């Protein structure tokens, strides 16, 4: 039975009870005929008025409830984009409508996140499978060639073994990176900083890349502000960040290009900023938004000669965030080429 019908029946029962009470009072001679007639008329008139009031007041409530029912059915059928309604009716009903709309917005947001997570999961599985399959297939082919004694001379056999060793090291590196990234993203890496000089870490990183920098004939300019204080960092983790960023810059820089590393303090904002600027092909649009994601590669061919497994920048982001900083990539001002990878570190994080 509908709410409106229930209210009208209750109102009718109340009127009947009052009329019966007036009739009983007249029978018991508590009221004379004129008094009983007047009270009966008043009771019936009040009943009609209250019925009309009930009917009019329940119209917006019933309409709002019907809209809520339709809204809930659309949400239940997954039509979140089409489901909408405007708050109307009494205050309480409007509040309920707003609460339901807020619930729908949160549900919609959660569903989008689930879809994004599912897409990321599929991409992750595909990328891991690709990056594991390639060295495994290479190792398998060389091992089979050695087992079948296809190669007779020692020199070629040694070259095959060297290739197998290189591919095994590549697999170990990929597994180590995956393990480190999973620990960082799970929050299992503890922050244990010590006082250290950032410029010393930069020097050590550049020294480790001196051969590759010389092979590409890159010009390297390093600028460290005089006001850079001793920072509380995890030296090995910060070296990993700089290694990944410098490796990315060296790998993609053109022959004879310029590589700039700048460290600048922003004491009023409470952080320092480190920038690594190269002259590589620009990373823009969707690539700039996703370049720090796991396994994301600007080179869609996933050619190992043009890059690693796509974990270096994701690890760098997690390590910078572990230090309480931020990381990103932007287009350098007043230039027509190149990228500027940057990250910040707080001045007083302990």
Protein backbone atom coordinates (compact mmCIF):
# COMPACT_ATOMS: atom_id res chain seq x y z
CA UNK A 1 0.00 0.00 0.00
CA UNK A 2 1.27 3.46 -0.90
CA UNK A 3 2.19 6.00 1.75
CA UNK A 4 -0.47 8.44 0.55
CA UNK A 5 -3.23 5.79 0.83
CA UNK A 6 -2.07 4.82 4.32
CA UNK A 7 -2.19 8.44 5.52
CA UNK A 8 -5.67 8.95 4.09
CA UNK A 9 -6.97 5.74 5.73
CA UNK A 10 -5.48 6.78 9.08
CA UNK A 11 -7.10 10.20 8.70
CA UNK A 12 -10.47 8.63 7.82
CA UNK A 13 -10.24 6.32 10.83
CA UNK A 14 -9.51 9.30 13.10
CA UNK A 15 -12.55 11.18 11.75
CA UNK A 16 -14.77 8.13 12.21
CA UNK A 17 -13.53 7.77 15.78
CA UNK A 18 -14.30 11.43 16.54
CA UNK A 19 -17.80 11.19 15.00
CA UNK A 20 -18.44 8.02 17.01
CA UNK A 21 -17.30 9.84 20.17
CA UNK A 22 -19.71 12.73 19.45
CA UNK A 23 -22.58 10.26 18.84
CA UNK A 24 -21.77 8.42 22.05
CA UNK A 25 -21.68 11.70 23.99
CA UNK A 26 -25.14 12.61 22.59
CA UNK A 27 -26.50 9.19 23.51
CA UNK A 28 -25.18 9.58 27.03
CA UNK A 29 -26.80 13.04 27.12
CA UNK A 30 -23.50 14.79 27.52
CA UNK A 31 -24.31 16.83 24.44
CA UNK A 32 -27.62 18.12 23.16
CA UNK A 33 -28.69 17.80 19.53
CA UNK A 34 -27.37 21.18 18.42
CA UNK A 35 -23.98 20.62 20.09
CA UNK A 36 -23.63 17.14 18.64
CA UNK A 37 -24.58 18.38 15.14
CA UNK A 38 -22.07 21.28 15.38
CA UNK A 39 -19.21 19.07 16.58
CA UNK A 40 -19.97 16.51 13.88
CA UNK A 41 -19.87 19.18 11.17
CA UNK A 42 -16.63 20.59 12.58
CA UNK A 43 -15.06 17.12 12.76
CA UNK A 44 -16.04 16.24 9.18
CA UNK A 45 -14.81 19.63 7.90
CA UNK A 46 -11.49 19.21 9.75
CA UNK A 47 -11.19 15.70 8.34
CA UNK A 48 -11.77 16.88 4.77
CA UNK A 49 -9.26 19.73 5.25
CA UNK A 50 -6.62 17.40 6.70
CA UNK A 51 -7.20 14.87 3.89
CA UNK A 52 -6.68 17.56 1.26
CA UNK A 53 -3.56 18.74 3.14
CA UNK A 54 -2.22 15.19 3.34
CA UNK A 55 -2.87 14.68 -0.34
CA UNK A 56 -1.15 17.91 -1.36
CA UNK A 57 1.82 17.46 0.97
CA UNK A 58 2.51 13.89 -0.12
CA UNK A 59 2.57 14.72 -3.85
CA UNK A 60 6.18 16.11 -3.85
CA UNK A 61 7.28 13.39 -1.41
CA UNK A 62 5.83 10.65 -3.65
CA UNK A 63 7.34 12.25 -6.76
CA UNK A 64 10.77 12.48 -5.12
CA UNK A 65 10.56 8.89 -3.92
CA UNK A 66 9.65 7.72 -7.42
CA UNK A 67 12.61 9.66 -8.83
CA UNK A 68 14.87 8.09 -6.21
CA UNK A 69 13.58 4.64 -7.16
CA UNK A 70 14.26 5.31 -10.84
CA UNK A 71 17.67 6.74 -9.96
CA UNK A 72 18.55 3.66 -7.87
CA UNK A 73 17.43 1.34 -10.70
CA UNK A 74 19.67 3.18 -13.18
CA UNK A 75 22.61 2.96 -10.79
CA UNK A 76 21.87 -0.72 -10.22
CA UNK A 77 21.90 -1.31 -13.99
CA UNK A 78 25.29 0.43 -14.23
CA UNK A 79 23.94 3.54 -16.00
CA UNK A 80 25.96 5.91 -13.82
CA UNK A 81 26.51 8.50 -16.54
CA UNK A 82 22.79 8.76 -17.32
CA UNK A 83 21.54 8.62 -13.73
CA UNK A 84 20.69 12.11 -12.45
CA UNK A 85 17.96 13.88 -10.50
CA UNK A 86 17.27 17.29 -8.99
CA UNK A 87 16.59 17.68 -5.26
CA UNK A 88 12.94 18.51 -4.62
CA UNK A 89 10.26 18.08 -1.98
CA UNK A 90 10.62 18.60 1.78
CA UNK A 91 13.97 19.39 3.36
CA UNK A 92 14.62 15.83 4.52
CA UNK A 93 13.87 14.41 1.07
CA UNK A 94 16.21 16.96 -0.56
CA UNK A 95 18.94 15.97 1.90
CA UNK A 96 18.39 12.30 1.06
CA UNK A 97 18.59 13.10 -2.67
CA UNK A 98 21.89 14.95 -2.22
CA UNK A 99 23.30 12.06 -0.17
CA UNK A 100 22.32 9.57 -2.87
CA UNK A 101 23.88 11.78 -5.56
CA UNK A 102 27.09 12.02 -3.54
CA UNK A 103 27.08 8.25 -3.17
CA UNK A 104 26.67 7.91 -6.93
CA UNK A 105 29.61 10.27 -7.57
CA UNK A 106 31.83 8.30 -5.19
CA UNK A 107 30.74 5.03 -6.75
CA UNK A 108 31.48 6.42 -10.19
CA UNK A 109 34.93 7.50 -9.05
CA UNK A 110 35.64 4.08 -7.56
CA UNK A 111 34.51 2.35 -10.75
CA UNK A 112 36.80 4.57 -12.86
CA UNK A 113 39.67 3.74 -10.53
CA UNK A 114 38.88 0.04 -10.77
CA UNK A 115 38.85 0.27 -14.56
CA UNK A 116 42.18 2.11 -14.49
CA UNK A 117 43.66 -0.44 -12.09
CA UNK A 118 42.45 -3.29 -14.27
CA UNK A 119 43.96 -1.66 -17.35
CA UNK A 120 47.23 -1.09 -15.48
CA UNK A 121 47.22 -4.71 -14.29
CA UNK A 122 46.77 -6.00 -17.85
CA UNK A 123 49.52 -3.72 -19.12
CA UNK A 124 51.78 -4.81 -16.27
CA UNK A 125 51.26 -8.51 -17.00
CA UNK A 126 51.81 -7.95 -20.73
CA UNK A 127 54.95 -5.89 -20.17
CA UNK A 128 56.44 -8.25 -17.59
CA UNK A 129 55.72 -11.19 -19.89
CA UNK A 130 57.40 -9.40 -22.80
CA UNK A 131 60.47 -8.36 -20.85
CA UNK A 132 60.89 -11.81 -19.33
CA UNK A 133 60.15 -13.74 -22.52
CA UNK A 134 62.78 -11.98 -24.65
CA UNK A 135 65.91 -12.90 -22.62
CA UNK A 136 64.51 -16.36 -21.80
CA UNK A 137 63.97 -17.07 -25.52
CA UNK A 138 67.49 -15.86 -26.28
CA UNK A 139 69.01 -18.02 -23.54
CA UNK A 140 66.98 -21.03 -24.69
CA UNK A 141 68.11 -20.73 -28.32
CA UNK A 142 71.80 -20.41 -27.41
CA UNK A 143 71.63 -23.29 -24.89
CA UNK A 144 69.95 -25.53 -27.47
CA UNK A 145 72.62 -24.63 -30.02
CA UNK A 146 75.34 -25.59 -27.54
CA UNK A 147 73.57 -28.81 -26.52
CA UNK A 148 73.09 -29.90 -30.13
CA UNK A 149 76.77 -29.16 -30.81
CA UNK A 150 75.82 -26.89 -33.71
CA UNK A 151 78.86 -24.78 -32.82
CA UNK A 152 82.22 -26.51 -33.01
CA UNK A 153 84.78 -23.75 -32.53
CA UNK A 154 85.65 -22.52 -29.05
CA UNK A 155 85.50 -18.84 -29.92
CA UNK A 156 81.88 -18.97 -31.05
CA UNK A 157 80.93 -21.12 -28.06
CA UNK A 158 82.52 -18.57 -25.76
CA UNK A 159 80.56 -15.79 -27.49
CA UNK A 160 77.34 -17.75 -26.94
CA UNK A 161 78.16 -18.24 -23.27
CA UNK A 162 78.92 -14.53 -22.94
CA UNK A 163 75.53 -13.70 -24.45
CA UNK A 164 73.79 -16.16 -22.11
CA UNK A 165 75.55 -14.58 -19.14
CA UNK A 166 74.50 -11.11 -20.28
CA UNK A 167 70.87 -12.15 -20.65
CA UNK A 168 70.90 -13.82 -17.21
CA UNK A 169 72.26 -10.62 -15.69
CA UNK A 170 69.52 -8.71 -17.48
CA UNK A 171 66.90 -11.03 -16.00
CA UNK A 172 68.38 -10.64 -12.53
CA UNK A 173 68.38 -6.86 -12.91
CA UNK A 174 64.73 -6.87 -13.99
CA UNK A 175 63.72 -9.09 -11.06
CA UNK A 176 65.69 -6.93 -8.61
CA UNK A 177 64.00 -3.79 -9.95
CA UNK A 178 60.56 -5.39 -9.66
CA UNK A 179 61.30 -6.46 -6.09
CA UNK A 180 62.57 -3.01 -5.10
CA UNK A 181 59.62 -1.24 -6.72
CA UNK A 182 57.10 -3.55 -5.04
CA UNK A 183 58.70 -2.85 -1.64
CA UNK A 184 58.61 0.89 -2.23
CA UNK A 185 54.99 0.92 -3.41
CA UNK A 186 53.96 -1.30 -0.49
CA UNK A 187 55.58 1.12 1.96
CA UNK A 188 58.00 -1.54 3.23
CA UNK A 189 61.09 0.61 2.71
CA UNK A 190 62.03 2.49 5.88
CA UNK A 191 63.43 6.01 5.69
CA UNK A 192 66.78 6.10 7.49
CA UNK A 193 68.57 9.31 6.41
CA UNK A 194 72.08 10.45 7.22
CA UNK A 195 73.68 13.89 6.66
CA UNK A 196 75.35 14.05 3.24
CA UNK A 197 76.34 16.44 0.46
CA UNK A 198 74.24 16.14 -2.68
CA UNK A 199 77.03 17.51 -4.92
CA UNK A 200 79.26 14.59 -3.93
CA UNK A 201 76.56 12.13 -4.98
CA UNK A 202 76.23 13.91 -8.34
CA UNK A 203 79.98 13.69 -8.92
CA UNK A 204 80.01 9.96 -8.18
CA UNK A 205 77.09 9.34 -10.55
CA UNK A 206 78.72 11.29 -13.40
CA UNK A 207 82.00 9.44 -12.84
CA UNK A 208 80.19 6.14 -13.32
CA UNK A 209 78.85 7.39 -16.67
CA UNK A 210 82.10 8.98 -17.87
CA UNK A 211 82.76 6.29 -20.50
CA UNK A 212 79.28 6.53 -22.05
CA UNK A 213 79.39 10.33 -21.90
CA UNK A 214 82.76 10.27 -23.71
CA UNK A 215 81.46 7.81 -26.34
CA UNK A 216 78.55 10.13 -27.14
CA UNK A 217 80.76 13.22 -26.89
CA UNK A 218 78.25 14.87 -24.58
CA UNK A 219 78.94 18.21 -22.94
CA UNK A 220 78.06 18.14 -19.24
CA UNK A 221 77.46 21.34 -17.25
CA UNK A 222 76.85 21.05 -13.51
CA UNK A 223 75.67 23.97 -11.39
CA UNK A 224 75.23 23.64 -7.62
CA UNK A 225 74.18 26.69 -5.63
CA UNK A 226 76.48 27.90 -2.85
CA UNK A 227 73.56 27.92 -0.43
CA UNK A 228 72.84 24.18 -0.69
CA UNK A 229 73.04 22.85 2.89
CA UNK A 230 73.89 19.39 4.12
CA UNK A 231 70.81 17.27 3.49
CA UNK A 232 69.45 14.31 5.40
CA UNK A 233 69.18 11.63 2.73
CA UNK A 234 69.63 7.95 2.11
CA UNK A 235 72.78 8.22 -0.07
CA UNK A 236 72.38 4.89 -1.90
CA UNK A 237 68.73 5.58 -2.71
CA UNK A 238 69.45 9.12 -3.88
CA UNK A 239 72.32 7.80 -6.00
CA UNK A 240 69.81 5.38 -7.56
CA UNK A 241 67.49 8.30 -8.40
CA UNK A 242 70.27 10.28 -10.07
CA UNK A 243 71.59 7.16 -11.80
CA UNK A 244 68.19 6.48 -13.35
CA UNK A 245 67.68 10.07 -14.46
CA UNK A 246 71.23 10.51 -15.83
CA UNK A 247 71.03 7.11 -17.56
CA UNK A 248 67.77 8.18 -19.19
CA UNK A 249 69.30 11.49 -20.32
CA UNK A 250 72.53 9.94 -21.65
CA UNK A 251 70.70 7.16 -23.48
CA UNK A 252 68.33 9.47 -25.33
CA UNK A 253 70.63 12.45 -25.92
CA UNK A 254 71.87 12.97 -29.47
CA UNK A 255 75.55 12.62 -30.33
CA UNK A 256 77.43 15.70 -29.13
CA UNK A 257 74.44 16.97 -27.15
CA UNK A 258 74.42 19.07 -24.01
CA UNK A 259 73.52 17.73 -20.57
CA UNK A 260 72.85 20.20 -17.76
CA UNK A 261 72.46 19.37 -14.07
CA UNK A 262 71.34 22.18 -11.80
CA UNK A 263 70.76 22.21 -8.04
CA UNK A 264 68.97 25.23 -6.62
CA UNK A 265 67.70 25.96 -3.11
CA UNK A 266 64.28 27.47 -2.38
CA UNK A 267 64.59 28.16 1.36
CA UNK A 268 61.30 30.07 1.63
CA UNK A 269 59.44 27.09 0.14
CA UNK A 270 61.48 24.67 2.24
CA UNK A 271 62.99 22.52 -0.51
CA UNK A 272 65.78 22.22 -3.06
CA UNK A 273 65.19 21.44 -6.72
CA UNK A 274 67.41 19.27 -8.91
CA UNK A 275 66.97 19.46 -12.68
CA UNK A 276 68.54 17.27 -15.39
CA UNK A 277 68.13 18.88 -18.81
CA UNK A 278 68.93 17.03 -22.03
CA UNK A 279 68.51 17.61 -25.76
CA UNK A 280 66.60 14.42 -26.50
CA UNK A 281 63.29 14.12 -28.31
CA UNK A 282 60.64 15.85 -26.26
CA UNK A 283 58.30 13.97 -23.97
CA UNK A 284 54.90 15.66 -24.16
CA UNK A 285 51.19 15.04 -23.76
CA UNK A 286 50.19 11.60 -22.53
CA UNK A 287 53.81 10.45 -22.46
CA UNK A 288 54.74 13.22 -20.00
CA UNK A 289 51.88 12.18 -17.71
CA UNK A 290 52.70 8.49 -17.76
CA UNK A 291 56.49 8.36 -18.14
CA UNK A 292 56.94 7.61 -14.41
CA UNK A 293 54.54 4.64 -14.47
CA UNK A 294 55.80 1.07 -14.18
CA UNK A 295 56.87 -0.42 -17.53
CA UNK A 296 55.68 2.65 -19.44
CA UNK A 297 57.90 3.32 -22.42
CA UNK A 298 57.73 6.29 -24.78
CA UNK A 299 59.16 3.91 -27.38
CA UNK A 300 56.12 1.69 -28.00
CA UNK A 301 58.26 -0.88 -29.83
CA UNK A 302 59.95 -1.72 -26.51
CA UNK A 303 63.26 -2.04 -28.28
CA UNK A 304 65.85 -2.82 -25.59
CA UNK A 305 68.43 -0.75 -27.45
CA UNK A 306 66.40 2.40 -26.93
CA UNK A 307 65.71 1.84 -23.24
CA UNK A 308 65.49 -0.51 -20.29
CA UNK A 309 62.48 -2.33 -18.95
CA UNK A 310 60.65 0.89 -18.10
CA UNK A 311 61.17 0.62 -14.34
CA UNK A 312 63.93 3.17 -13.77
CA UNK A 313 61.76 6.28 -13.68
CA UNK A 314 59.07 4.52 -11.62
CA UNK A 315 61.72 3.58 -9.04
CA UNK A 316 63.08 7.14 -9.10
CA UNK A 317 59.60 8.52 -8.38
CA UNK A 318 59.05 6.12 -5.47
CA UNK A 319 62.45 6.94 -3.96
CA UNK A 320 61.92 10.69 -4.26
CA UNK A 321 58.51 10.34 -2.61
CA UNK A 322 60.14 8.26 0.14
CA UNK A 323 62.33 11.32 0.82
CA UNK A 324 59.24 13.54 0.95
CA UNK A 325 59.80 15.18 -2.45
CA UNK A 326 58.12 15.37 -5.84
CA UNK A 327 59.30 14.47 -9.34
CA UNK A 328 58.22 15.35 -12.88
CA UNK A 329 59.19 16.28 -16.41
CA UNK A 330 58.62 19.55 -18.26
CA UNK A 331 59.61 21.38 -21.42
CA UNK A 332 62.63 23.65 -20.89
CA UNK A 333 61.84 27.34 -21.50
CA UNK A 334 63.26 29.18 -24.51
CA UNK A 335 64.29 25.98 -26.30
CA UNK A 336 63.04 24.00 -29.27
CA UNK A 337 64.15 20.56 -28.10
CA UNK A 338 64.99 18.56 -25.01
CA UNK A 339 63.39 17.70 -21.70
CA UNK A 340 63.91 18.81 -18.13
CA UNK A 341 63.43 16.11 -15.52
CA UNK A 342 63.19 17.59 -12.05
CA UNK A 343 62.72 16.52 -8.49
CA UNK A 344 62.55 18.27 -5.13
CA UNK A 345 63.87 17.36 -1.70
CA UNK A 346 62.73 18.95 1.56
CA UNK A 347 65.40 20.91 3.44
CA UNK A 348 64.48 19.70 6.88
CA UNK A 349 63.06 16.15 6.56
CA UNK A 350 64.37 13.79 9.28
